[in-house]
Amino acid sequence: MATVQELEAAGVRILRLVYADLHGKQRGKDVLLERAGHAISHGKPFVEAVMTIDNNHNIVSGEAEGFRDLLAMPDLKTARINPLDPEVAVVLCDLSSVPSHRPSGLDSRGALKRVCARYAKLGLTPVVAHELEFYLLERDAEAIGGLRPMTMRDSSVYTVGPLADPTGIVRAMFDACEAFQLEPISMAQEYGHSQNEINLTHGEAVEATDRAFLFKALVKQIADMDGIVATFMGMPVDEDECSGYHLHASLVDKAGKNVFDAPRAQDGLSVIAHQFIAGVIEHAPAMAGLLNPTVNSYKRIINGGLSPKFANWGHDNRMAMLRICEERGPAARAEVRSGDGAANPYLIATAILAAGLDGIERKLKSPKPVVGNFYEGPAAAMGAQLPTSLGAALDALEADTRLVKLVGPALIETFLAIKRYELGRWEAQQNRLTAWELEEYAEAL
């Protein structure tokens, strides 16, 4: 739906104008449709400092600018009727600065649009698919953080129906995704207890990422309405599997042909595909700051069996950071497996596509692919080690001036400020007395 008249005819009373903050969390305002004319034509103002709020709702910066405005400009062609409340239509917004009305440097959706525009100058269109894993947790005062997995039994990975989803909530999420036009493909239980995955159809990068952004918010809302918690964080449970965020990416030309595909090449991949791979590998340490954006993310990297630890690639190898899927032709694609679900969907897509673009523009050559369990081979064949802490990842991101320029200096500067503030809070927490210390030492010493 793209017009006010069509929305009115469908029974919509409220426009929910939403956008992503730098964490990828949904922010917005509800506006009565009958009084939405000015917001549609001129945008809805927000305090720009909302883009500097951390996950504990601390405002990290904004005072120096006097808490100035930011405009959210509705993109009516993205309007979707909310399956949980049919009187509400959710509309994605682009962010603009005031008073210039130019695209805001803090808009992660805008950053993805800019990178896609760079590809368009080369006659290419990025196509992506988002693959996210998440846990369903229920409240338990005795559990860590007051939460534990919703079901506890031996792994039933790839099972479906009541065995995997005894309450039917994942099926309800799947159905809601379809009603919300998010184009889900499949659903199944993953390897962890109460860990699930719903896959979304591929599409042009901005449109597909819009759906991933709405997907995360919808899943969390449905869980909340049922009195439980859906979390995409990398490692929400001790001694169980971790949750990844895998992004599949390819490029098509103006005729719609997949330019990664090269039937006459020995490995079936084009020169452009190898250049894309090389760019992603080169920028992988810096990308970690955006793909693994929390202190918890690095517990997944250290402890997760299939969580990539080195910047490398391989053919249909899930141990590699970048997996070239076995399909060729229209389905030829790269799967970047290092991200986790805490990432902002727009930033994960922007970072990977920007890195690949740099490889193409600079005509980089890809390293040799890894084969099998490369951890058992020589260290030199593994590739560069990926950061093992948030601090190291943020430092790598800041130092990668090429990637910073492609993603957007203002966005990265603000992102680094938020995340270093978060890291400081974590480090302060580490200096507090823990139950383990008392249990270990109080009576013994």
Protein backbone atom coordinates (compact mmCIF):
# COMPACT_ATOMS: atom_id res chain seq x y z
CA MET A 1 0.00 0.00 0.00
CA ALA A 2 1.33 3.43 -0.89
CA THR A 3 -1.43 6.02 -0.51
CA VAL A 4 -3.43 7.43 2.38
CA GLN A 5 -6.65 6.58 0.55
CA GLU A 6 -5.68 2.92 0.24
CA LEU A 7 -4.78 2.79 3.93
CA GLU A 8 -8.08 4.40 4.93
CA ALA A 9 -9.97 1.92 2.77
CA ALA A 10 -8.19 -0.92 4.57
CA GLY A 11 -9.41 0.35 7.95
CA VAL A 12 -6.10 1.88 9.10
CA ARG A 13 -6.43 4.60 11.74
CA ILE A 14 -2.83 5.01 12.87
CA LEU A 15 0.49 5.36 11.07
CA ARG A 16 3.38 3.98 13.08
CA LEU A 17 6.42 5.87 11.77
CA VAL A 18 9.53 3.84 12.63
CA TYR A 19 13.27 3.79 11.99
CA ALA A 20 16.32 1.99 13.34
CA ASP A 21 18.61 3.47 15.96
CA LEU A 22 22.26 2.44 15.73
CA HIS A 23 21.61 -0.72 17.78
CA GLY A 24 18.96 -1.72 15.23
CA LYS A 25 16.16 -1.19 17.77
CA GLN A 26 12.89 0.20 16.48
CA ARG A 27 12.15 3.82 17.39
CA GLY A 28 9.14 5.84 16.26
CA LYS A 29 5.89 7.65 16.87
CA ASP A 30 2.22 6.84 16.25
CA VAL A 31 0.28 9.43 14.23
CA LEU A 32 -3.45 9.49 13.54
CA LEU A 33 -3.91 8.88 9.83
CA GLU A 34 -6.51 11.63 9.46
CA ARG A 35 -3.99 14.15 10.84
CA ALA A 36 -0.86 12.67 9.27
CA GLY A 37 -0.65 14.98 6.26
CA HIS A 38 2.04 17.26 7.67
CA ALA A 39 4.13 14.34 8.97
CA ILE A 40 3.95 12.66 5.57
CA SER A 41 4.98 15.77 3.63
CA HIS A 42 7.39 17.40 6.09
CA GLY A 43 8.54 14.57 8.37
CA LYS A 44 8.18 13.95 12.07
CA PRO A 45 10.79 15.48 14.39
CA PHE A 46 12.73 13.50 16.98
CA VAL A 47 15.54 14.50 19.30
CA GLU A 48 18.74 13.57 17.45
CA ALA A 49 20.31 12.36 20.70
CA VAL A 50 18.07 9.29 20.49
CA MET A 51 20.76 7.96 18.15
CA THR A 52 23.27 8.06 21.05
CA ILE A 53 21.20 6.15 23.64
CA ASP A 54 22.72 2.90 24.88
CA ASN A 55 20.81 -0.30 25.66
CA ASN A 56 20.31 0.83 29.27
CA HIS A 57 18.75 4.11 28.07
CA ASN A 58 21.71 6.31 28.94
CA ILE A 59 22.16 9.32 26.64
CA VAL A 60 25.82 9.19 25.66
CA SER A 61 26.03 12.52 23.81
CA GLY A 62 23.96 15.33 22.36
CA GLU A 63 24.43 18.11 24.89
CA ALA A 64 27.04 19.89 22.75
CA GLU A 65 24.49 20.37 19.96
CA GLY A 66 21.68 21.41 22.32
CA PHE A 67 19.66 18.24 21.68
CA ARG A 68 18.70 19.38 18.20
CA ASP A 69 16.04 17.82 15.97
CA LEU A 70 16.21 14.96 13.50
CA LEU A 71 13.45 14.47 10.91
CA ALA A 72 11.93 11.08 10.14
CA MET A 73 10.56 11.21 6.58
CA PRO A 74 7.92 8.49 5.97
CA ASP A 75 8.47 6.18 3.00
CA LEU A 76 4.84 5.32 2.28
CA LYS A 77 5.67 2.59 -0.19
CA THR A 78 6.94 0.57 2.80
CA ALA A 79 3.54 0.75 4.60
CA ARG A 80 2.43 -2.60 5.99
CA ILE A 81 -0.65 -3.35 8.07
CA ASN A 82 0.37 -4.65 11.47
CA PRO A 83 -0.96 -8.24 11.80
CA LEU A 84 -1.12 -7.78 15.59
CA ASP A 85 -3.26 -4.62 15.27
CA PRO A 86 -4.89 -4.14 11.83
CA GLU A 87 -5.78 -0.52 12.61
CA VAL A 88 -2.05 0.28 12.57
CA ALA A 89 0.12 0.58 9.46
CA VAL A 90 3.86 0.46 10.04
CA VAL A 91 5.83 2.84 7.81
CA LEU A 92 9.62 2.96 7.58
CA CYS A 93 11.29 6.36 7.61
CA ASP A 94 14.45 7.92 6.23
CA LEU A 95 16.25 10.32 8.56
CA SER A 96 17.11 13.89 7.59
CA SER A 97 19.11 16.60 9.32
CA VAL A 98 17.56 19.91 10.36
CA PRO A 99 17.42 22.51 8.88
CA SER A 100 19.18 21.29 5.72
CA HIS A 101 16.79 18.35 5.09
CA ARG A 102 19.77 16.43 3.76
CA PRO A 103 20.09 12.71 4.57
CA SER A 104 21.30 12.28 8.14
CA GLY A 105 24.76 10.83 8.59
CA LEU A 106 23.37 8.82 11.53
CA ASP A 107 20.78 6.87 9.52
CA SER A 108 21.81 3.23 9.09
CA ARG A 109 19.15 2.71 6.40
CA GLY A 110 20.60 5.73 4.62
CA ALA A 111 24.09 4.24 4.89
CA LEU A 112 22.90 1.09 3.12
CA LYS A 113 21.25 3.20 0.41
CA ARG A 114 24.51 5.08 -0.17
CA VAL A 115 26.51 1.86 -0.59
CA CYS A 116 23.87 0.49 -2.98
CA ALA A 117 24.12 3.72 -4.98
CA ARG A 118 27.87 3.13 -5.34
CA TYR A 119 27.13 -0.32 -6.76
CA ALA A 120 24.56 1.20 -9.14
CA LYS A 121 27.31 3.36 -10.65
CA LEU A 122 29.03 0.09 -11.58
CA GLY A 123 25.81 -1.22 -13.11
CA LEU A 124 25.30 -3.64 -10.22
CA THR A 125 22.52 -4.28 -7.70
CA PRO A 126 23.24 -6.06 -4.40
CA VAL A 127 20.87 -8.88 -3.44
CA VAL A 128 20.84 -10.19 0.14
CA ALA A 129 19.02 -12.63 2.37
CA HIS A 130 19.02 -12.41 6.16
CA GLU A 131 19.24 -15.58 8.25
CA LEU A 132 18.74 -15.07 11.99
CA GLU A 133 18.69 -17.43 14.95
CA PHE A 134 16.98 -16.54 18.22
CA TYR A 135 16.17 -18.03 21.61
CA LEU A 136 12.86 -18.04 23.45
CA LEU A 137 13.38 -17.51 27.18
CA GLU A 138 10.99 -17.62 30.10
CA ARG A 139 11.32 -15.86 33.41
CA ASP A 140 12.91 -17.72 36.30
CA ALA A 141 14.10 -15.80 39.35
CA GLU A 142 16.80 -18.41 40.08
CA ALA A 143 18.31 -18.40 36.58
CA ILE A 144 21.13 -16.14 35.36
CA GLY A 145 19.58 -12.75 34.62
CA GLY A 146 16.19 -14.14 35.63
CA LEU A 147 15.77 -15.97 32.30
CA ARG A 148 16.12 -19.56 31.12
CA PRO A 149 15.36 -21.37 27.85
CA MET A 150 11.65 -21.95 27.37
CA THR A 151 12.05 -25.70 26.87
CA MET A 152 14.78 -27.95 28.24
CA ARG A 153 15.34 -31.27 26.54
CA ASP A 154 17.91 -32.93 24.36
CA SER A 155 18.53 -31.13 21.10
CA SER A 156 15.83 -31.58 18.50
CA VAL A 157 17.54 -29.63 15.75
CA TYR A 158 15.62 -29.45 12.46
CA THR A 159 12.46 -30.80 14.07
CA VAL A 160 9.15 -29.10 13.39
CA GLY A 161 5.59 -29.10 14.70
CA PRO A 162 4.57 -29.67 18.35
CA LEU A 163 7.80 -31.50 19.21
CA ALA A 164 9.86 -28.38 18.45
CA ASP A 165 7.17 -25.81 19.19
CA PRO A 166 4.91 -27.22 21.94
CA THR A 167 3.11 -23.94 22.63
CA GLY A 168 2.73 -22.97 18.97
CA ILE A 169 4.38 -19.58 19.43
CA VAL A 170 7.00 -20.04 16.70
CA ARG A 171 4.23 -21.02 14.27
CA ALA A 172 2.38 -17.85 15.30
CA MET A 173 5.52 -15.83 14.56
CA PHE A 174 5.88 -17.51 11.18
CA ASP A 175 2.26 -16.80 10.27
CA ALA A 176 2.56 -13.19 11.47
CA CYS A 177 5.66 -12.73 9.29
CA GLU A 178 3.67 -13.82 6.26
CA ALA A 179 0.75 -11.56 7.14
CA PHE A 180 3.20 -8.68 7.63
CA GLN A 181 4.64 -9.24 4.11
CA LEU A 182 8.07 -10.17 5.46
CA GLU A 183 8.23 -13.12 3.03
CA PRO A 184 9.31 -15.96 5.33
CA ILE A 185 10.55 -19.11 3.62
CA SER A 186 10.97 -21.69 6.37
CA MET A 187 11.08 -22.25 10.12
CA ALA A 188 12.69 -24.91 12.29
CA GLN A 189 14.24 -25.48 15.68
CA GLU A 190 17.98 -24.89 15.75
CA TYR A 191 20.57 -26.83 17.73
CA GLY A 192 20.08 -25.09 21.08
CA HIS A 193 17.28 -25.69 23.53
CA SER A 194 14.45 -23.35 22.50
CA GLN A 195 16.62 -21.88 19.76
CA ASN A 196 14.78 -21.23 16.51
CA GLU A 197 15.36 -19.89 13.02
CA ILE A 198 12.97 -18.27 10.55
CA ASN A 199 14.48 -17.58 7.14
CA LEU A 200 13.37 -14.70 4.92
CA THR A 201 13.31 -14.54 1.13
CA HIS A 202 16.20 -12.79 -0.62
CA GLY A 203 15.69 -9.46 -2.34
CA GLU A 204 17.35 -6.21 -3.31
CA ALA A 205 19.46 -5.10 -0.38
CA VAL A 206 17.43 -2.22 1.07
CA GLU A 207 14.06 -3.95 0.66
CA ALA A 208 15.31 -7.26 2.08
CA THR A 209 16.97 -5.49 5.01
CA ASP A 210 13.80 -3.54 5.74
CA ARG A 211 12.07 -6.89 6.19
CA ALA A 212 14.82 -8.18 8.50
CA PHE A 213 14.56 -5.05 10.64
CA LEU A 214 10.78 -5.43 10.95
CA PHE A 215 11.18 -9.18 11.56
CA LYS A 216 13.30 -8.74 14.67
CA ALA A 217 10.85 -6.27 16.19
CA LEU A 218 7.84 -8.45 15.34
CA VAL A 219 9.33 -11.59 16.89
CA LYS A 220 10.20 -9.74 20.10
CA GLN A 221 6.72 -8.17 20.27
CA ILE A 222 4.92 -11.49 19.85
CA ALA A 223 7.08 -13.07 22.55
CA ASP A 224 6.45 -10.16 24.90
CA MET A 225 2.69 -10.45 24.38
CA ASP A 226 2.99 -14.10 25.43
CA GLY A 227 4.92 -13.22 28.59
CA ILE A 228 8.29 -14.55 27.41
CA VAL A 229 11.44 -13.04 25.89
CA ALA A 230 12.77 -13.53 22.37
CA THR A 231 16.44 -12.64 22.16
CA PHE A 232 18.83 -12.43 19.23
CA MET A 233 21.91 -11.89 21.44
CA GLY A 234 24.89 -14.03 20.50
CA MET A 235 25.19 -16.18 23.63
CA PRO A 236 22.14 -15.97 25.91
CA VAL A 237 22.61 -19.41 27.49
CA ASP A 238 25.64 -20.99 29.15
CA GLU A 239 26.73 -24.41 27.90
CA ASP A 240 24.46 -24.39 24.87
CA GLU A 241 24.61 -23.20 21.29
CA CYS A 242 25.10 -19.58 20.22
CA SER A 243 22.96 -17.56 17.83
CA GLY A 244 24.37 -16.32 14.55
CA TYR A 245 23.28 -13.78 11.98
CA HIS A 246 24.28 -15.01 8.53
CA LEU A 247 23.97 -12.72 5.54
CA HIS A 248 23.80 -14.14 2.03
CA ALA A 249 24.91 -11.72 -0.68
CA SER A 250 25.20 -11.66 -4.46
CA LEU A 251 25.25 -9.04 -7.22
CA VAL A 252 23.14 -8.80 -10.38
CA ASP A 253 23.74 -6.67 -13.46
CA LYS A 254 21.20 -4.49 -15.28
CA ALA A 255 19.87 -7.54 -17.11
CA GLY A 256 19.30 -9.35 -13.82
CA LYS A 257 22.16 -11.82 -14.32
CA ASN A 258 24.07 -12.95 -11.24
CA VAL A 259 27.60 -11.67 -11.85
CA PHE A 260 29.13 -14.02 -9.26
CA ASP A 261 28.38 -16.92 -11.60
CA ALA A 262 31.07 -17.95 -14.12
CA PRO A 263 30.33 -21.41 -15.57
CA ARG A 264 33.66 -21.58 -17.44
CA ALA A 265 35.78 -20.77 -14.39
CA GLN A 266 37.34 -23.71 -12.58
CA ASP A 267 35.42 -22.99 -9.37
CA GLY A 268 32.38 -21.47 -11.09
CA LEU A 269 33.07 -18.02 -9.67
CA SER A 270 33.71 -14.81 -11.56
CA VAL A 271 36.56 -12.35 -11.08
CA ILE A 272 34.05 -9.96 -9.45
CA ALA A 273 33.04 -12.69 -6.99
CA HIS A 274 36.68 -13.18 -6.00
CA GLN A 275 37.18 -9.43 -5.65
CA PHE A 276 34.10 -9.24 -3.42
CA ILE A 277 35.46 -12.11 -1.29
CA ALA A 278 38.84 -10.38 -1.03
CA GLY A 279 37.25 -7.14 0.18
CA VAL A 280 35.24 -8.91 2.86
CA ILE A 281 38.31 -10.82 4.06
CA GLU A 282 40.46 -7.68 4.16
CA HIS A 283 37.93 -5.70 6.19
CA ALA A 284 36.75 -8.59 8.39
CA PRO A 285 38.52 -7.48 11.61
CA ALA A 286 37.00 -3.99 11.33
CA MET A 287 33.57 -5.36 10.40
CA ALA A 288 33.52 -7.26 13.70
CA GLY A 289 32.69 -4.03 15.52
CA LEU A 290 29.45 -3.80 13.53
CA LEU A 291 28.67 -7.51 13.10
CA ASN A 292 29.48 -8.42 16.72
CA PRO A 293 28.52 -5.23 18.59
CA THR A 294 28.26 -6.34 22.24
CA VAL A 295 30.53 -7.74 24.94
CA ASN A 296 28.36 -10.85 24.82
CA SER A 297 29.14 -11.32 21.12
CA TYR A 298 32.69 -12.40 21.90
CA LYS A 299 31.59 -15.15 24.24
CA ARG A 300 29.91 -16.62 21.16
CA ILE A 301 33.11 -16.26 19.13
CA ILE A 302 35.29 -17.82 21.83
CA ASN A 303 32.86 -20.60 22.84
CA GLY A 304 30.75 -21.26 19.75
CA GLY A 305 31.86 -24.29 17.76
CA LEU A 306 30.81 -22.90 14.36
CA SER A 307 31.42 -19.24 15.20
CA PRO A 308 34.17 -18.01 12.83
CA LYS A 309 37.42 -17.08 14.51
CA PHE A 310 39.55 -16.28 11.45
CA ALA A 311 39.10 -14.15 8.33
CA ASN A 312 38.93 -16.79 5.61
CA TRP A 313 36.61 -18.34 3.06
CA GLY A 314 35.78 -21.74 1.67
CA HIS A 315 33.53 -23.63 -0.71
CA ASP A 316 30.44 -24.92 1.14
CA ASN A 317 32.43 -24.88 4.39
CA ARG A 318 30.46 -23.76 7.44
CA MET A 319 33.63 -23.47 9.49
CA ALA A 320 34.85 -20.60 7.31
CA MET A 321 33.94 -16.97 7.94
CA LEU A 322 32.71 -16.60 4.37
CA ARG A 323 31.09 -19.63 2.81
CA ILE A 324 30.55 -19.84 -0.92
CA CYS A 325 27.34 -21.83 -1.21
CA GLU A 326 27.48 -24.76 -3.61
CA GLU A 327 24.75 -23.45 -5.93
CA ARG A 328 25.77 -21.61 -9.09
CA GLY A 329 23.77 -19.81 -11.77
CA PRO A 330 21.18 -17.37 -10.36
CA ALA A 331 21.78 -18.73 -6.82
CA ALA A 332 25.57 -18.16 -6.73
CA ARG A 333 26.24 -16.28 -3.50
CA ALA A 334 28.50 -15.63 -0.54
CA GLU A 335 27.32 -16.31 3.00
CA VAL A 336 29.10 -14.25 5.67
CA ARG A 337 28.76 -16.24 8.90
CA SER A 338 30.59 -14.14 11.49
CA GLY A 339 27.73 -11.88 12.61
CA ASP A 340 25.41 -12.45 15.54
CA GLY A 341 21.81 -11.41 16.02
CA ALA A 342 22.65 -8.39 18.17
CA ALA A 343 23.76 -6.61 14.99
CA ASN A 344 21.72 -3.83 13.39
CA PRO A 345 20.36 -5.39 10.15
CA TYR A 346 21.15 -2.26 8.16
CA LEU A 347 24.70 -2.07 9.49
CA ILE A 348 25.48 -5.74 8.92
CA ALA A 349 24.33 -5.43 5.30
CA THR A 350 26.09 -2.08 4.84
CA ALA A 351 29.40 -3.29 6.27
CA ILE A 352 29.54 -6.49 4.22
CA LEU A 353 28.48 -4.84 0.98
CA ALA A 354 30.86 -1.91 1.56
CA ALA A 355 33.76 -4.30 2.16
CA GLY A 356 32.89 -6.26 -0.98
CA LEU A 357 32.58 -3.04 -2.96
CA ASP A 358 36.04 -1.95 -1.87
CA GLY A 359 37.41 -5.26 -3.09
CA ILE A 360 35.76 -4.77 -6.47
CA GLU A 361 36.81 -1.15 -6.87
CA ARG A 362 40.43 -1.93 -5.92
CA LYS A 363 40.44 -5.22 -7.85
CA LEU A 364 41.72 -7.17 -4.85
CA LYS A 365 42.69 -10.83 -5.20
CA SER A 366 41.14 -13.37 -2.88
CA PRO A 367 43.37 -15.65 -0.77
CA LYS A 368 43.25 -19.40 -1.21
CA PRO A 369 40.09 -21.00 0.20
CA VAL A 370 40.31 -23.10 3.34
CA VAL A 371 39.36 -26.76 3.09
CA GLY A 372 37.68 -28.99 5.65
CA ASN A 373 38.64 -28.57 9.29
CA PHE A 374 41.40 -26.03 8.75
CA TYR A 375 41.92 -25.74 12.53
CA GLU A 376 43.89 -28.97 12.30
CA GLY A 377 46.21 -27.53 9.64
CA PRO A 378 49.02 -24.96 9.74
CA ALA A 379 48.21 -21.66 11.42
CA ALA A 380 49.31 -19.70 8.37
CA ALA A 381 46.45 -21.19 6.35
CA MET A 382 43.73 -20.05 8.76
CA GLY A 383 43.80 -16.36 7.87
CA ALA A 384 43.95 -13.34 10.15
CA GLN A 385 42.46 -13.85 13.58
CA LEU A 386 39.22 -11.98 14.18
CA PRO A 387 38.92 -9.77 17.29
CA THR A 388 38.13 -11.64 20.50
CA SER A 389 36.78 -8.67 22.46
CA LEU A 390 34.52 -5.71 21.81
CA GLY A 391 37.32 -3.28 22.62
CA ALA A 392 39.65 -4.83 20.04
CA ALA A 393 36.87 -4.86 17.44
CA LEU A 394 36.05 -1.19 17.99
CA ASP A 395 39.73 -0.28 17.67
CA ALA A 396 39.95 -2.24 14.42
CA LEU A 397 36.83 -0.51 13.09
CA GLU A 398 38.15 2.95 13.92
CA ALA A 399 41.51 2.16 12.27
CA ASP A 400 39.96 0.95 9.00
CA THR A 401 39.62 4.32 7.29
CA ARG A 402 38.41 2.84 3.99
CA LEU A 403 35.49 1.04 5.63
CA VAL A 404 34.69 4.05 7.84
CA LYS A 405 34.48 6.29 4.78
CA LEU A 406 32.21 3.85 2.92
CA VAL A 407 29.83 3.28 5.83
CA GLY A 408 29.86 6.93 6.93
CA PRO A 409 32.25 8.79 9.27
CA ALA A 410 29.50 10.47 11.35
CA LEU A 411 27.70 7.18 11.87
CA ILE A 412 30.87 5.32 12.85
CA GLU A 413 31.99 8.12 15.19
CA THR A 414 28.66 8.01 17.03
CA PHE A 415 28.57 4.21 17.02
CA LEU A 416 32.05 4.06 18.56
CA ALA A 417 31.07 6.57 21.26
CA ILE A 418 27.99 4.54 22.23
CA LYS A 419 29.83 1.24 22.24
CA ARG A 420 32.85 2.49 24.16
CA TYR A 421 30.48 3.90 26.77
CA GLU A 422 28.82 0.48 26.95
CA LEU A 423 32.22 -1.18 27.20
CA GLY A 424 33.16 1.15 30.07
CA ARG A 425 30.01 0.14 31.94
CA TRP A 426 30.91 -3.53 31.41
CA GLU A 427 34.45 -3.03 32.65
CA ALA A 428 33.12 -1.28 35.77
CA GLN A 429 30.81 -4.25 36.33
CA GLN A 430 33.80 -6.59 36.13
CA ASN A 431 35.32 -4.83 39.14
CA ARG A 432 32.31 -5.57 41.35
CA LEU A 433 32.30 -8.42 43.87
CA THR A 434 30.80 -11.63 42.46
CA ALA A 435 29.09 -14.61 44.08
CA TRP A 436 31.86 -16.83 42.67
CA GLU A 437 34.52 -14.97 44.67
CA LEU A 438 32.62 -15.34 47.94
CA GLU A 439 31.86 -19.01 47.29
CA GLU A 440 35.49 -19.66 46.35
CA TYR A 441 37.32 -17.70 49.04
CA ALA A 442 35.19 -16.49 51.98
CA GLU A 443 35.20 -19.66 54.10
CA ALA A 444 38.42 -21.12 52.76
CA LEU A 445 40.66 -18.13 53.38
